[in-house]
Amino acid sequence: MKYEILFLILLSYIICAYHPHSAPQKTIKIGPTKITYINDEGKYIKTTDMYPKAKPEDWKQFENLEITDEKGNLFIPFGGFLIESGNKKILMDLGLGTETVTFPGFGAVNTHTYLKNLEKTGIKPEEITDVFYTHLHMDHCGWTTIEKNGKKELTFPNANHWCSEEEWNYWLNIDFPTLQNNVIKPLKGKIKFVKEGQYIAPYLTAHKAPGHTPGLTILKLEVDGKIVWFTSDIFHSIMQIIERQWFAIFDVDSKKGEESRKKYIKEFIKKNTYIANGHFSNHVYGRIMEEKGILKWEPCLANNCELNPFNEDL
């Protein structure tokens, strides 16, 4: 029995090591601020469905990066981040939720792990002070509401809910019943609009990055000489760091999306600057390094990342 368990552990390690998967739920600290990745499962998708501009042969340059499985499918995790700064407990993006949503290329998707993984942090939903939506695609706002006694109620009842005004106005009258019933209607009159450069919490500011959606807004945490950018859907996978002209099938304005990537890459490669992206498989924390004009992704691992300390998996 003991050897069977050891074999299963080894097999699990091998599968995780050589196949893209959701990153483990890790917490990092930067100064007085704590960041925890909250996972909400994920989905495999054909690379050509996700990035229509890229041909199958274009992916050969990424074969050693472990971002596709043996069939050439890309793994896209869902989730968000818990940011604890001062007396603020902020959730940036809320995963997909329990509703079944159909995406082009993905098929029907539903998830169940976000609240369970939030519970592992010891933080209760009523303790969340702010919910920050980078944008209003369902895989980022799915846990806005839960059903109680046949009615939709806010999952985080005491929180301020934030997004950009451009984002809210774009989706306000879009004929998408799941979004309207679970997000737009429950938040009418309650949503707060964030402005460029506005502080959401100590050390934490909001910055517009239109393209993927009209009002996509990312977050920047700067403290003790180090910076963490929460890049959201500027990137859906690490290959867009290199192929910045590749647009995702869900991008509203692919040209503006490319412009935003090019603009912010200049910030992301600066010294002591790190990335947190919930769509990155395997590792959500890392650095974008530039060597002789060539960019590469360097994931932060417990044994080699300068951004310390790393806690054990929750």
C-alpha atoms as a PDB file:
ATOM      1  CA  MET A   1       0.000   0.000   0.000  1.00  0.00           C
ATOM      2  CA  LYS A   2       2.838   2.365   0.900  1.00  0.00           C
ATOM      3  CA  TYR A   3       4.525   1.811  -2.469  1.00  0.00           C
ATOM      4  CA  GLU A   4       1.246   2.373  -4.310  1.00  0.00           C
ATOM      5  CA  ILE A   5       0.861   5.755  -2.604  1.00  0.00           C
ATOM      6  CA  LEU A   6       4.448   6.679  -3.447  1.00  0.00           C
ATOM      7  CA  PHE A   7       3.852   5.675  -7.063  1.00  0.00           C
ATOM      8  CA  LEU A   8       0.730   7.840  -7.286  1.00  0.00           C
ATOM      9  CA  ILE A   9       2.584  10.804  -5.792  1.00  0.00           C
ATOM     10  CA  LEU A  10       5.418  10.345  -8.286  1.00  0.00           C
ATOM     11  CA  LEU A  11       2.968   9.970 -11.175  1.00  0.00           C
ATOM     12  CA  SER A  12       1.144  13.106 -10.091  1.00  0.00           C
ATOM     13  CA  TYR A  13       4.444  14.996  -9.954  1.00  0.00           C
ATOM     14  CA  ILE A  14       5.416  13.830 -13.444  1.00  0.00           C
ATOM     15  CA  ILE A  15       2.046  14.851 -14.901  1.00  0.00           C
ATOM     16  CA  CYS A  16       2.167  18.267 -13.238  1.00  0.00           C
ATOM     17  CA  ALA A  17       5.794  18.767 -14.234  1.00  0.00           C
ATOM     18  CA  TYR A  18       5.251  18.113 -17.949  1.00  0.00           C
ATOM     19  CA  HIS A  19       1.699  19.244 -18.558  1.00  0.00           C
ATOM     20  CA  PRO A  20       0.256  22.714 -18.151  1.00  0.00           C
ATOM     21  CA  HIS A  21      -1.949  23.007 -15.100  1.00  0.00           C
ATOM     22  CA  SER A  22      -3.337  25.517 -12.638  1.00  0.00           C
ATOM     23  CA  ALA A  23      -0.686  27.083 -10.448  1.00  0.00           C
ATOM     24  CA  PRO A  24      -0.630  26.132  -6.779  1.00  0.00           C
ATOM     25  CA  GLN A  25      -2.234  28.514  -4.329  1.00  0.00           C
ATOM     26  CA  LYS A  26       0.785  30.441  -3.093  1.00  0.00           C
ATOM     27  CA  THR A  27       1.048  33.531  -0.951  1.00  0.00           C
ATOM     28  CA  ILE A  28       3.836  36.065  -1.413  1.00  0.00           C
ATOM     29  CA  LYS A  29       4.687  39.100   0.690  1.00  0.00           C
ATOM     30  CA  ILE A  30       6.039  42.410  -0.500  1.00  0.00           C
ATOM     31  CA  GLY A  31       6.644  44.808   2.366  1.00  0.00           C
ATOM     32  CA  PRO A  32       3.505  44.857   4.526  1.00  0.00           C
ATOM     33  CA  THR A  33       1.298  43.590   1.688  1.00  0.00           C
ATOM     34  CA  LYS A  34       0.289  39.965   1.226  1.00  0.00           C
ATOM     35  CA  ILE A  35      -0.828  38.510  -2.128  1.00  0.00           C
ATOM     36  CA  THR A  36      -2.553  35.142  -2.533  1.00  0.00           C
ATOM     37  CA  TYR A  37      -3.578  33.496  -5.769  1.00  0.00           C
ATOM     38  CA  ILE A  38      -7.173  32.203  -5.612  1.00  0.00           C
ATOM     39  CA  ASN A  39      -7.694  29.482  -8.210  1.00  0.00           C
ATOM     40  CA  ASP A  40     -11.028  28.701  -9.889  1.00  0.00           C
ATOM     41  CA  GLU A  41     -10.014  25.705 -12.046  1.00  0.00           C
ATOM     42  CA  GLY A  42      -9.264  25.975 -15.757  1.00  0.00           C
ATOM     43  CA  LYS A  43      -9.861  24.635 -19.251  1.00  0.00           C
ATOM     44  CA  TYR A  44      -7.889  23.257 -22.201  1.00  0.00           C
ATOM     45  CA  ILE A  45      -8.467  24.986 -25.531  1.00  0.00           C
ATOM     46  CA  LYS A  46      -7.024  24.576 -29.019  1.00  0.00           C
ATOM     47  CA  THR A  47      -4.302  27.122 -29.660  1.00  0.00           C
ATOM     48  CA  THR A  48      -5.833  28.033 -33.013  1.00  0.00           C
ATOM     49  CA  ASP A  49      -9.200  28.701 -31.347  1.00  0.00           C
ATOM     50  CA  MET A  50      -7.623  30.967 -28.748  1.00  0.00           C
ATOM     51  CA  TYR A  51      -5.201  32.784 -31.097  1.00  0.00           C
ATOM     52  CA  PRO A  52      -6.664  32.781 -34.634  1.00  0.00           C
ATOM     53  CA  LYS A  53      -3.740  34.741 -36.075  1.00  0.00           C
ATOM     54  CA  ALA A  54      -1.210  32.066 -35.103  1.00  0.00           C
ATOM     55  CA  LYS A  55      -0.701  28.954 -37.221  1.00  0.00           C
ATOM     56  CA  PRO A  56       0.040  25.571 -35.592  1.00  0.00           C
ATOM     57  CA  GLU A  57       3.672  25.714 -36.767  1.00  0.00           C
ATOM     58  CA  ASP A  58       4.100  29.094 -35.053  1.00  0.00           C
ATOM     59  CA  TRP A  59       3.867  27.308 -31.705  1.00  0.00           C
ATOM     60  CA  LYS A  60       6.997  25.209 -32.234  1.00  0.00           C
ATOM     61  CA  GLN A  61       9.133  27.976 -30.717  1.00  0.00           C
ATOM     62  CA  PHE A  62       7.290  27.451 -27.412  1.00  0.00           C
ATOM     63  CA  GLU A  63       7.580  23.643 -27.226  1.00  0.00           C
ATOM     64  CA  ASN A  64       9.952  23.769 -24.244  1.00  0.00           C
ATOM     65  CA  LEU A  65       7.817  26.163 -22.193  1.00  0.00           C
ATOM     66  CA  GLU A  66       5.255  23.533 -21.102  1.00  0.00           C
ATOM     67  CA  ILE A  67       2.249  25.700 -21.952  1.00  0.00           C
ATOM     68  CA  THR A  68       0.547  23.129 -24.205  1.00  0.00           C
ATOM     69  CA  ASP A  69      -0.227  19.448 -23.687  1.00  0.00           C
ATOM     70  CA  GLU A  70       0.792  16.557 -25.944  1.00  0.00           C
ATOM     71  CA  LYS A  71      -2.142  17.356 -28.256  1.00  0.00           C
ATOM     72  CA  GLY A  72      -1.094  20.966 -28.611  1.00  0.00           C
ATOM     73  CA  ASN A  73      -3.914  22.343 -26.460  1.00  0.00           C
ATOM     74  CA  LEU A  74      -3.352  25.438 -24.364  1.00  0.00           C
ATOM     75  CA  PHE A  75      -4.405  25.391 -20.709  1.00  0.00           C
ATOM     76  CA  ILE A  76      -6.149  28.563 -19.459  1.00  0.00           C
ATOM     77  CA  PRO A  77      -6.689  28.760 -15.681  1.00  0.00           C
ATOM     78  CA  PHE A  78      -9.346  30.979 -14.105  1.00  0.00           C
ATOM     79  CA  GLY A  79      -9.102  32.826 -10.802  1.00  0.00           C
ATOM     80  CA  GLY A  80      -7.952  36.028  -9.140  1.00  0.00           C
ATOM     81  CA  PHE A  81      -5.878  37.445  -6.304  1.00  0.00           C
ATOM     82  CA  LEU A  82      -6.485  38.319  -2.681  1.00  0.00           C
ATOM     83  CA  ILE A  83      -4.500  41.451  -1.812  1.00  0.00           C
ATOM     84  CA  GLU A  84      -4.184  42.300   1.885  1.00  0.00           C
ATOM     85  CA  SER A  85      -2.845  45.816   2.364  1.00  0.00           C
ATOM     86  CA  GLY A  86      -3.335  47.836   5.532  1.00  0.00           C
ATOM     87  CA  ASN A  87      -6.931  47.325   6.648  1.00  0.00           C
ATOM     88  CA  LYS A  88      -7.971  46.421   3.097  1.00  0.00           C
ATOM     89  CA  LYS A  89      -8.809  42.910   1.950  1.00  0.00           C
ATOM     90  CA  ILE A  90      -9.234  43.164  -1.822  1.00  0.00           C
ATOM     91  CA  LEU A  91     -10.255  40.515  -4.314  1.00  0.00           C
ATOM     92  CA  MET A  92      -9.013  41.342  -7.795  1.00  0.00           C
ATOM     93  CA  ASP A  93     -11.259  39.365 -10.164  1.00  0.00           C
ATOM     94  CA  LEU A  94     -13.666  36.637  -9.103  1.00  0.00           C
ATOM     95  CA  GLY A  95     -13.199  33.676 -11.428  1.00  0.00           C
ATOM     96  CA  LEU A  96     -15.973  32.015 -13.378  1.00  0.00           C
ATOM     97  CA  GLY A  97     -18.485  31.035 -10.699  1.00  0.00           C
ATOM     98  CA  THR A  98     -20.906  28.122 -10.787  1.00  0.00           C
ATOM     99  CA  GLU A  99     -22.951  29.179 -13.813  1.00  0.00           C
ATOM    100  CA  THR A 100     -22.316  27.163 -16.962  1.00  0.00           C
ATOM    101  CA  VAL A 101     -20.932  29.555 -19.575  1.00  0.00           C
ATOM    102  CA  THR A 102     -20.201  28.692 -23.193  1.00  0.00           C
ATOM    103  CA  PHE A 103     -17.154  30.318 -24.773  1.00  0.00           C
ATOM    104  CA  PRO A 104     -16.125  29.969 -28.437  1.00  0.00           C
ATOM    105  CA  GLY A 105     -13.561  27.182 -28.610  1.00  0.00           C
ATOM    106  CA  PHE A 106     -13.927  26.332 -24.934  1.00  0.00           C
ATOM    107  CA  GLY A 107     -17.371  24.805 -25.027  1.00  0.00           C
ATOM    108  CA  ALA A 108     -19.430  24.760 -21.835  1.00  0.00           C
ATOM    109  CA  VAL A 109     -17.449  25.644 -18.698  1.00  0.00           C
ATOM    110  CA  ASN A 110     -18.339  25.827 -15.024  1.00  0.00           C
ATOM    111  CA  THR A 111     -16.158  25.872 -11.926  1.00  0.00           C
ATOM    112  CA  HIS A 112     -16.583  25.450  -8.194  1.00  0.00           C
ATOM    113  CA  THR A 113     -13.286  26.077  -6.400  1.00  0.00           C
ATOM    114  CA  TYR A 114     -12.939  29.847  -5.887  1.00  0.00           C
ATOM    115  CA  LEU A 115     -14.796  30.179  -2.573  1.00  0.00           C
ATOM    116  CA  LYS A 116     -13.261  26.943  -1.281  1.00  0.00           C
ATOM    117  CA  ASN A 117      -9.791  28.276  -2.036  1.00  0.00           C
ATOM    118  CA  LEU A 118     -10.594  31.654  -0.501  1.00  0.00           C
ATOM    119  CA  GLU A 119     -11.662  29.804   2.648  1.00  0.00           C
ATOM    120  CA  LYS A 120      -8.161  28.309   2.887  1.00  0.00           C
ATOM    121  CA  THR A 121      -6.783  31.811   3.514  1.00  0.00           C
ATOM    122  CA  GLY A 122      -8.920  32.209   6.631  1.00  0.00           C
ATOM    123  CA  ILE A 123     -10.701  35.223   5.130  1.00  0.00           C
ATOM    124  CA  LYS A 124     -14.511  35.100   5.132  1.00  0.00           C
ATOM    125  CA  PRO A 125     -16.599  36.641   2.310  1.00  0.00           C
ATOM    126  CA  GLU A 126     -18.051  39.262   4.657  1.00  0.00           C
ATOM    127  CA  GLU A 127     -14.507  40.410   5.539  1.00  0.00           C
ATOM    128  CA  ILE A 128     -13.682  41.410   1.968  1.00  0.00           C
ATOM    129  CA  THR A 129     -13.548  45.226   1.822  1.00  0.00           C
ATOM    130  CA  ASP A 130     -13.218  45.653  -1.955  1.00  0.00           C
ATOM    131  CA  VAL A 131     -13.830  43.719  -5.153  1.00  0.00           C
ATOM    132  CA  PHE A 132     -11.875  45.037  -8.124  1.00  0.00           C
ATOM    133  CA  TYR A 133     -12.911  43.911 -11.599  1.00  0.00           C
ATOM    134  CA  THR A 134     -10.182  44.347 -14.192  1.00  0.00           C
ATOM    135  CA  HIS A 135     -12.990  43.833 -16.723  1.00  0.00           C
ATOM    136  CA  LEU A 136     -16.412  42.244 -16.924  1.00  0.00           C
ATOM    137  CA  HIS A 137     -15.858  39.031 -18.836  1.00  0.00           C
ATOM    138  CA  MET A 138     -17.602  36.235 -16.958  1.00  0.00           C
ATOM    139  CA  ASP A 139     -14.361  34.449 -16.054  1.00  0.00           C
ATOM    140  CA  HIS A 140     -13.419  37.533 -14.029  1.00  0.00           C
ATOM    141  CA  CYS A 141     -16.719  38.370 -12.361  1.00  0.00           C
ATOM    142  CA  GLY A 142     -18.449  34.993 -12.039  1.00  0.00           C
ATOM    143  CA  TRP A 143     -18.612  34.913  -8.245  1.00  0.00           C
ATOM    144  CA  THR A 144     -20.206  38.364  -7.932  1.00  0.00           C
ATOM    145  CA  THR A 145     -23.427  36.753  -6.727  1.00  0.00           C
ATOM    146  CA  ILE A 146     -24.596  33.509  -5.199  1.00  0.00           C
ATOM    147  CA  GLU A 147     -28.098  32.170  -4.962  1.00  0.00           C
ATOM    148  CA  LYS A 148     -29.804  32.106  -1.561  1.00  0.00           C
ATOM    149  CA  ASN A 149     -33.443  31.211  -1.076  1.00  0.00           C
ATOM    150  CA  GLY A 150     -34.038  31.512  -4.799  1.00  0.00           C
ATOM    151  CA  LYS A 151     -32.583  35.036  -5.004  1.00  0.00           C
ATOM    152  CA  LYS A 152     -29.290  36.451  -6.239  1.00  0.00           C
ATOM    153  CA  GLU A 153     -27.263  38.020  -3.428  1.00  0.00           C
ATOM    154  CA  LEU A 154     -23.841  39.627  -3.471  1.00  0.00           C
ATOM    155  CA  THR A 155     -21.215  37.062  -2.462  1.00  0.00           C
ATOM    156  CA  PHE A 156     -19.174  39.778  -0.736  1.00  0.00           C
ATOM    157  CA  PRO A 157     -21.927  41.883   0.859  1.00  0.00           C
ATOM    158  CA  ASN A 158     -19.732  44.403   2.677  1.00  0.00           C
ATOM    159  CA  ALA A 159     -17.341  45.137  -0.180  1.00  0.00           C
ATOM    160  CA  ASN A 160     -17.024  48.134  -2.464  1.00  0.00           C
ATOM    161  CA  HIS A 161     -17.225  46.891  -6.069  1.00  0.00           C
ATOM    162  CA  TRP A 162     -14.966  48.684  -8.560  1.00  0.00           C
ATOM    163  CA  CYS A 163     -14.413  48.800 -12.317  1.00  0.00           C
ATOM    164  CA  SER A 164     -13.747  51.481 -14.916  1.00  0.00           C
ATOM    165  CA  GLU A 165     -16.658  53.547 -16.173  1.00  0.00           C
ATOM    166  CA  GLU A 166     -15.762  52.642 -19.770  1.00  0.00           C
ATOM    167  CA  GLU A 167     -16.060  48.961 -18.904  1.00  0.00           C
ATOM    168  CA  TRP A 168     -19.387  49.308 -17.117  1.00  0.00           C
ATOM    169  CA  ASN A 169     -20.975  51.395 -19.868  1.00  0.00           C
ATOM    170  CA  TYR A 170     -19.843  48.966 -22.556  1.00  0.00           C
ATOM    171  CA  TRP A 171     -21.541  45.971 -20.920  1.00  0.00           C
ATOM    172  CA  LEU A 172     -24.539  47.801 -19.498  1.00  0.00           C
ATOM    173  CA  ASN A 173     -26.873  46.944 -22.375  1.00  0.00           C
ATOM    174  CA  ILE A 174     -25.128  43.957 -23.944  1.00  0.00           C
ATOM    175  CA  ASP A 175     -27.570  41.080 -24.491  1.00  0.00           C
ATOM    176  CA  PHE A 176     -25.792  38.488 -22.348  1.00  0.00           C
ATOM    177  CA  PRO A 177     -28.321  37.183 -19.773  1.00  0.00           C
ATOM    178  CA  THR A 178     -25.774  35.491 -17.500  1.00  0.00           C
ATOM    179  CA  LEU A 179     -23.785  38.706 -17.109  1.00  0.00           C
ATOM    180  CA  GLN A 180     -26.889  40.889 -16.805  1.00  0.00           C
ATOM    181  CA  ASN A 181     -28.582  38.719 -14.173  1.00  0.00           C
ATOM    182  CA  ASN A 182     -25.515  37.815 -12.107  1.00  0.00           C
ATOM    183  CA  VAL A 183     -23.456  40.999 -12.289  1.00  0.00           C
ATOM    184  CA  ILE A 184     -24.971  44.079 -13.941  1.00  0.00           C
ATOM    185  CA  LYS A 185     -28.414  44.117 -12.306  1.00  0.00           C
ATOM    186  CA  PRO A 186     -27.195  43.261  -8.757  1.00  0.00           C
ATOM    187  CA  LEU A 187     -24.531  46.000  -8.953  1.00  0.00           C
ATOM    188  CA  LYS A 188     -26.639  48.794 -10.444  1.00  0.00           C
ATOM    189  CA  GLY A 189     -26.373  51.817  -8.191  1.00  0.00           C
ATOM    190  CA  LYS A 190     -23.603  50.141  -6.195  1.00  0.00           C
ATOM    191  CA  ILE A 191     -20.683  49.941  -8.616  1.00  0.00           C
ATOM    192  CA  LYS A 192     -17.876  52.458  -8.064  1.00  0.00           C
ATOM    193  CA  PHE A 193     -15.858  53.788 -10.989  1.00  0.00           C
ATOM    194  CA  VAL A 194     -12.087  53.830 -10.781  1.00  0.00           C
ATOM    195  CA  LYS A 195      -9.973  56.527 -12.415  1.00  0.00           C
ATOM    196  CA  GLU A 196      -6.499  56.357 -13.920  1.00  0.00           C
ATOM    197  CA  GLY A 197      -3.842  56.270 -11.191  1.00  0.00           C
ATOM    198  CA  GLN A 198      -6.387  56.034  -8.375  1.00  0.00           C
ATOM    199  CA  TYR A 199      -5.321  54.336  -5.148  1.00  0.00           C
ATOM    200  CA  ILE A 200      -7.439  51.322  -4.268  1.00  0.00           C
ATOM    201  CA  ALA A 201      -5.412  50.575  -1.137  1.00  0.00           C
ATOM    202  CA  PRO A 202      -2.044  51.590   0.304  1.00  0.00           C
ATOM    203  CA  TYR A 203       0.625  51.191  -2.419  1.00  0.00           C
ATOM    204  CA  LEU A 204      -1.981  49.887  -4.920  1.00  0.00           C
ATOM    205  CA  THR A 205      -3.012  51.929  -7.991  1.00  0.00           C
ATOM    206  CA  ALA A 206      -5.248  51.320 -11.046  1.00  0.00           C
ATOM    207  CA  HIS A 207      -4.097  51.780 -14.660  1.00  0.00           C
ATOM    208  CA  LYS A 208      -6.093  51.630 -17.907  1.00  0.00           C
ATOM    209  CA  ALA A 209      -5.080  49.096 -20.564  1.00  0.00           C
ATOM    210  CA  PRO A 210      -7.844  49.036 -23.219  1.00  0.00           C
ATOM    211  CA  GLY A 211      -7.990  46.512 -26.020  1.00  0.00           C
ATOM    212  CA  HIS A 212      -9.071  43.178 -24.647  1.00  0.00           C
ATOM    213  CA  THR A 213     -12.135  45.098 -23.491  1.00  0.00           C
ATOM    214  CA  PRO A 214     -12.777  48.864 -23.724  1.00  0.00           C
ATOM    215  CA  GLY A 215     -12.164  49.458 -20.029  1.00  0.00           C
ATOM    216  CA  LEU A 216      -9.620  46.815 -19.033  1.00  0.00           C
ATOM    217  CA  THR A 217      -7.813  48.134 -15.964  1.00  0.00           C
ATOM    218  CA  ILE A 218      -4.797  46.547 -14.301  1.00  0.00           C
ATOM    219  CA  LEU A 219      -3.280  47.077 -10.861  1.00  0.00           C
ATOM    220  CA  LYS A 220       0.194  48.135  -9.763  1.00  0.00           C
ATOM    221  CA  LEU A 221       1.568  47.470  -6.286  1.00  0.00           C
ATOM    222  CA  GLU A 222       4.683  49.472  -5.440  1.00  0.00           C
ATOM    223  CA  VAL A 223       6.339  49.207  -2.045  1.00  0.00           C
ATOM    224  CA  ASP A 224       9.859  48.959  -0.623  1.00  0.00           C
ATOM    225  CA  GLY A 225      11.447  49.527  -4.023  1.00  0.00           C
ATOM    226  CA  LYS A 226       9.651  46.587  -5.631  1.00  0.00           C
ATOM    227  CA  ILE A 227       6.710  46.510  -8.013  1.00  0.00           C
ATOM    228  CA  VAL A 228       4.105  43.875  -8.755  1.00  0.00           C
ATOM    229  CA  TRP A 229       1.882  44.355 -11.801  1.00  0.00           C
ATOM    230  CA  PHE A 230      -1.400  42.425 -11.842  1.00  0.00           C
ATOM    231  CA  THR A 231      -1.622  42.211 -15.623  1.00  0.00           C
ATOM    232  CA  SER A 232      -4.981  40.482 -16.089  1.00  0.00           C
ATOM    233  CA  ASP A 233      -5.898  39.889 -19.750  1.00  0.00           C
ATOM    234  CA  ILE A 234      -3.198  42.017 -21.296  1.00  0.00           C
ATOM    235  CA  PHE A 235      -1.775  38.487 -21.541  1.00  0.00           C
ATOM    236  CA  HIS A 236      -3.677  35.195 -21.648  1.00  0.00           C
ATOM    237  CA  SER A 237      -0.505  33.128 -21.860  1.00  0.00           C
ATOM    238  CA  ILE A 238       3.217  33.712 -21.522  1.00  0.00           C
ATOM    239  CA  MET A 239       3.719  33.414 -25.303  1.00  0.00           C
ATOM    240  CA  GLN A 240       2.064  36.820 -25.761  1.00  0.00           C
ATOM    241  CA  ILE A 241       5.064  38.318 -23.992  1.00  0.00           C
ATOM    242  CA  ILE A 242       7.038  37.416 -27.113  1.00  0.00           C
ATOM    243  CA  GLU A 243       4.311  37.479 -29.761  1.00  0.00           C
ATOM    244  CA  ARG A 244       2.657  40.708 -28.713  1.00  0.00           C
ATOM    245  CA  GLN A 245       0.776  41.031 -32.003  1.00  0.00           C
ATOM    246  CA  TRP A 246      -1.141  37.793 -31.374  1.00  0.00           C
ATOM    247  CA  PHE A 247      -4.634  38.660 -30.221  1.00  0.00           C
ATOM    248  CA  ALA A 248      -7.018  36.423 -28.277  1.00  0.00           C
ATOM    249  CA  ILE A 249     -10.349  35.497 -29.807  1.00  0.00           C
ATOM    250  CA  PHE A 250     -12.130  37.435 -27.028  1.00  0.00           C
ATOM    251  CA  ASP A 251     -10.336  40.749 -27.658  1.00  0.00           C
ATOM    252  CA  VAL A 252     -12.772  43.556 -28.509  1.00  0.00           C
ATOM    253  CA  ASP A 253     -10.108  45.701 -30.196  1.00  0.00           C
ATOM    254  CA  SER A 254      -7.011  43.672 -31.129  1.00  0.00           C
ATOM    255  CA  LYS A 255      -5.026  46.724 -32.281  1.00  0.00           C
ATOM    256  CA  LYS A 256      -5.522  48.556 -28.985  1.00  0.00           C
ATOM    257  CA  GLY A 257      -4.697  45.333 -27.146  1.00  0.00           C
ATOM    258  CA  GLU A 258      -1.372  45.107 -28.961  1.00  0.00           C
ATOM    259  CA  GLU A 259      -0.686  48.771 -28.198  1.00  0.00           C
ATOM    260  CA  SER A 260      -1.376  48.186 -24.493  1.00  0.00           C
ATOM    261  CA  ARG A 261       0.985  45.190 -24.430  1.00  0.00           C
ATOM    262  CA  LYS A 262       3.752  47.194 -26.098  1.00  0.00           C
ATOM    263  CA  LYS A 263       3.184  50.137 -23.768  1.00  0.00           C
ATOM    264  CA  TYR A 264       3.256  48.167 -20.541  1.00  0.00           C
ATOM    265  CA  ILE A 265       6.036  45.769 -21.524  1.00  0.00           C
ATOM    266  CA  LYS A 266       8.354  48.758 -21.051  1.00  0.00           C
ATOM    267  CA  GLU A 267       7.194  48.927 -17.432  1.00  0.00           C
ATOM    268  CA  PHE A 268       7.165  45.168 -16.834  1.00  0.00           C
ATOM    269  CA  ILE A 269      10.836  44.679 -17.755  1.00  0.00           C
ATOM    270  CA  LYS A 270      12.135  47.283 -15.322  1.00  0.00           C
ATOM    271  CA  LYS A 271      14.365  46.274 -12.431  1.00  0.00           C
ATOM    272  CA  ASN A 272      12.663  44.833  -9.326  1.00  0.00           C
ATOM    273  CA  THR A 273       9.393  44.446 -11.235  1.00  0.00           C
ATOM    274  CA  TYR A 274       7.260  41.313 -11.082  1.00  0.00           C
ATOM    275  CA  ILE A 275       4.109  39.982 -12.735  1.00  0.00           C
ATOM    276  CA  ALA A 276       1.021  38.316 -11.259  1.00  0.00           C
ATOM    277  CA  ASN A 277      -1.327  36.832 -13.858  1.00  0.00           C
ATOM    278  CA  GLY A 278      -4.131  34.408 -13.007  1.00  0.00           C
ATOM    279  CA  HIS A 279      -4.351  33.057 -16.586  1.00  0.00           C
ATOM    280  CA  PHE A 280      -0.745  31.828 -16.637  1.00  0.00           C
ATOM    281  CA  SER A 281      -0.545  28.060 -16.276  1.00  0.00           C
ATOM    282  CA  ASN A 282       1.923  26.420 -13.870  1.00  0.00           C
ATOM    283  CA  HIS A 283       3.168  29.657 -12.227  1.00  0.00           C
ATOM    284  CA  VAL A 284       1.223  32.902 -11.815  1.00  0.00           C
ATOM    285  CA  TYR A 285       4.131  34.910 -10.352  1.00  0.00           C
ATOM    286  CA  GLY A 286       7.265  35.764 -12.282  1.00  0.00           C
ATOM    287  CA  ARG A 287       9.401  38.290 -14.123  1.00  0.00           C
ATOM    288  CA  ILE A 288       9.721  39.388 -17.726  1.00  0.00           C
ATOM    289  CA  MET A 289      13.420  39.548 -18.467  1.00  0.00           C
ATOM    290  CA  GLU A 290      15.114  41.207 -21.432  1.00  0.00           C
ATOM    291  CA  GLU A 291      18.440  39.895 -22.707  1.00  0.00           C
ATOM    292  CA  LYS A 292      19.944  41.426 -25.852  1.00  0.00           C
ATOM    293  CA  GLY A 293      16.535  42.636 -26.962  1.00  0.00           C
ATOM    294  CA  ILE A 294      14.905  39.239 -26.465  1.00  0.00           C
ATOM    295  CA  LEU A 295      12.147  38.864 -23.879  1.00  0.00           C
ATOM    296  CA  LYS A 296      11.599  35.767 -21.788  1.00  0.00           C
ATOM    297  CA  TRP A 297       9.349  34.697 -18.934  1.00  0.00           C
ATOM    298  CA  GLU A 298      11.051  33.686 -15.705  1.00  0.00           C
ATOM    299  CA  PRO A 299       8.583  32.122 -13.274  1.00  0.00           C
ATOM    300  CA  CYS A 300       9.107  32.727  -9.581  1.00  0.00           C
ATOM    301  CA  LEU A 301       9.856  29.464  -7.845  1.00  0.00           C
ATOM    302  CA  ALA A 302      10.323  28.940  -4.122  1.00  0.00           C
ATOM    303  CA  ASN A 303      14.025  28.280  -4.549  1.00  0.00           C
ATOM    304  CA  ASN A 304      15.137  30.888  -7.082  1.00  0.00           C
ATOM    305  CA  CYS A 305      12.915  33.967  -7.045  1.00  0.00           C
ATOM    306  CA  GLU A 306      14.175  37.222  -5.589  1.00  0.00           C
ATOM    307  CA  LEU A 307      10.657  38.135  -4.470  1.00  0.00           C
ATOM    308  CA  ASN A 308      10.681  36.481  -1.036  1.00  0.00           C
ATOM    309  CA  PRO A 309       9.531  35.011   1.201  1.00  0.00           C
ATOM    310  CA  PHE A 310       7.355  32.379  -0.446  1.00  0.00           C
ATOM    311  CA  ASN A 311       5.038  30.436   1.818  1.00  0.00           C
ATOM    312  CA  GLU A 312       4.223  26.784   1.378  1.00  0.00           C
ATOM    313  CA  ASP A 313       1.200  25.857  -0.732  1.00  0.00           C
ATOM    314  CA  LEU A 314      -2.006  26.458   1.195  1.00  0.00           C
END
